[in-house]
């Protein structure tokens, strides 16, 4: 049983290392390529999104204000980056409008 646990542990370690080796290297991409990828990583794994985000933030920090405006547009670049987390049930939405409140059960369309 111990050898089976060791084999399973070794296999898990290999998979983790292999996954990191196959990850996209965003540092070798041009800023134009990174800019085009913005908004397309909705289904990316968290480590992949984190790697992209870290490289994008690093590039933004090195840009002049004119370059930043070229890549992210005027008045953008603050707040929740690239919409991550927006609309995913964070519980901060506005309360429902109209109708009655309470446990009366029925329609809220008055």
Protein backbone atom coordinates (compact mmCIF):
# COMPACT_ATOMS: atom_id res chain seq x y z
CA UNK A 1 0.00 0.00 0.00
CA UNK A 2 2.88 2.39 0.73
CA UNK A 3 4.37 1.86 -2.72
CA UNK A 4 1.01 2.66 -4.29
CA UNK A 5 0.81 5.93 -2.34
CA UNK A 6 4.35 6.83 -3.38
CA UNK A 7 3.60 6.04 -7.01
CA UNK A 8 0.45 8.16 -6.91
CA UNK A 9 2.33 11.03 -5.26
CA UNK A 10 5.09 10.82 -7.86
CA UNK A 11 2.55 10.83 -10.68
CA UNK A 12 0.80 13.89 -9.24
CA UNK A 13 4.11 15.74 -8.96
CA UNK A 14 4.97 14.90 -12.56
CA UNK A 15 1.61 16.16 -13.77
CA UNK A 16 2.06 19.44 -11.91
CA UNK A 17 5.53 19.95 -13.36
CA UNK A 18 4.37 19.01 -16.85
CA UNK A 19 1.44 21.42 -16.60
CA UNK A 20 3.78 24.28 -15.77
CA UNK A 21 6.02 23.35 -18.70
CA UNK A 22 3.08 23.52 -21.14
CA UNK A 23 1.84 26.87 -19.85
CA UNK A 24 1.86 29.82 -22.22
CA UNK A 25 4.89 32.09 -21.92
CA UNK A 26 3.35 35.55 -22.01
CA UNK A 27 6.73 37.24 -21.52
CA UNK A 28 7.76 36.30 -25.06
CA UNK A 29 4.61 37.78 -26.65
CA UNK A 30 4.45 41.27 -28.07
CA UNK A 31 2.37 43.92 -26.33
CA UNK A 32 0.08 43.97 -29.37
CA UNK A 33 -0.53 40.21 -29.00
CA UNK A 34 -1.25 40.59 -25.29
CA UNK A 35 -3.62 43.46 -25.99
CA UNK A 36 -5.56 41.36 -28.51
CA UNK A 37 -5.88 38.54 -25.95
CA UNK A 38 -7.54 40.78 -23.37
CA UNK A 39 -11.09 39.64 -22.78
CA UNK A 40 -10.57 36.24 -24.40
CA UNK A 41 -9.33 34.36 -21.32
CA UNK A 42 -12.74 33.73 -19.77
CA UNK A 43 -12.24 29.96 -19.82
CA UNK A 44 -8.55 30.02 -18.91
CA UNK A 45 -7.34 28.26 -15.79
CA UNK A 46 -6.61 30.48 -12.81
CA UNK A 47 -2.81 30.02 -13.07
CA UNK A 48 -2.93 30.88 -16.79
CA UNK A 49 -5.06 33.97 -16.16
CA UNK A 50 -2.77 35.01 -13.29
CA UNK A 51 0.30 34.69 -15.55
CA UNK A 52 -1.36 36.78 -18.25
CA UNK A 53 -2.53 39.38 -15.74
CA UNK A 54 0.90 39.69 -14.13
CA UNK A 55 2.61 40.20 -17.50
CA UNK A 56 -0.04 42.70 -18.67
CA UNK A 57 0.26 44.70 -15.45
CA UNK A 58 4.05 44.69 -15.76
CA UNK A 59 3.79 46.01 -19.31
CA UNK A 60 1.26 48.68 -18.32
CA UNK A 61 3.62 49.90 -15.61
CA UNK A 62 6.37 50.38 -18.20
CA UNK A 63 4.22 52.29 -20.71
CA UNK A 64 3.99 56.01 -21.22
CA UNK A 65 0.53 57.53 -20.73
CA UNK A 66 0.15 57.74 -24.52
CA UNK A 67 0.93 54.04 -24.92
CA UNK A 68 -1.49 53.14 -22.13
CA UNK A 69 -4.21 55.11 -23.87
CA UNK A 70 -3.43 53.29 -27.13
CA UNK A 71 -3.79 49.85 -25.53
CA UNK A 72 -6.52 50.33 -22.94
CA UNK A 73 -8.32 53.48 -24.08
CA UNK A 74 -9.00 56.74 -22.25
CA UNK A 75 -10.26 56.56 -18.70
CA UNK A 76 -9.81 52.79 -18.36
CA UNK A 77 -7.37 50.67 -16.46
CA UNK A 78 -8.66 51.07 -12.91
CA UNK A 79 -10.96 48.85 -10.89
CA UNK A 80 -11.59 45.18 -11.60
CA UNK A 81 -9.09 44.30 -14.26
CA UNK A 82 -10.49 42.95 -17.50
CA UNK A 83 -13.86 42.17 -15.96
CA UNK A 84 -12.59 39.26 -13.89
CA UNK A 85 -15.28 38.42 -11.38
CA UNK A 86 -17.90 40.77 -12.78
CA UNK A 87 -21.30 39.17 -13.15
CA UNK A 88 -20.34 36.02 -11.33
CA UNK A 89 -22.67 36.26 -8.38
CA UNK A 90 -20.56 38.30 -6.02
CA UNK A 91 -23.68 39.31 -4.10
CA UNK A 92 -23.27 43.07 -4.53
CA UNK A 93 -26.03 43.58 -7.06
CA UNK A 94 -28.86 46.03 -6.64
CA UNK A 95 -32.00 44.75 -4.90
CA UNK A 96 -34.94 43.87 -7.14
CA UNK A 97 -37.08 46.83 -8.10
CA UNK A 98 -40.86 47.13 -7.96
CA UNK A 99 -43.36 44.75 -6.43
CA UNK A 100 -43.84 43.77 -2.87
CA UNK A 101 -41.40 42.36 -0.42
CA UNK A 102 -41.88 39.60 2.07
CA UNK A 103 -42.91 35.98 1.87
CA UNK A 104 -46.31 36.48 0.28
CA UNK A 105 -45.29 34.27 -2.63
CA UNK A 106 -46.95 35.77 -5.73
CA UNK A 107 -45.72 37.94 -8.54
CA UNK A 108 -43.66 41.07 -8.07
CA UNK A 109 -45.26 42.67 -11.13
CA UNK A 110 -47.72 45.23 -9.74
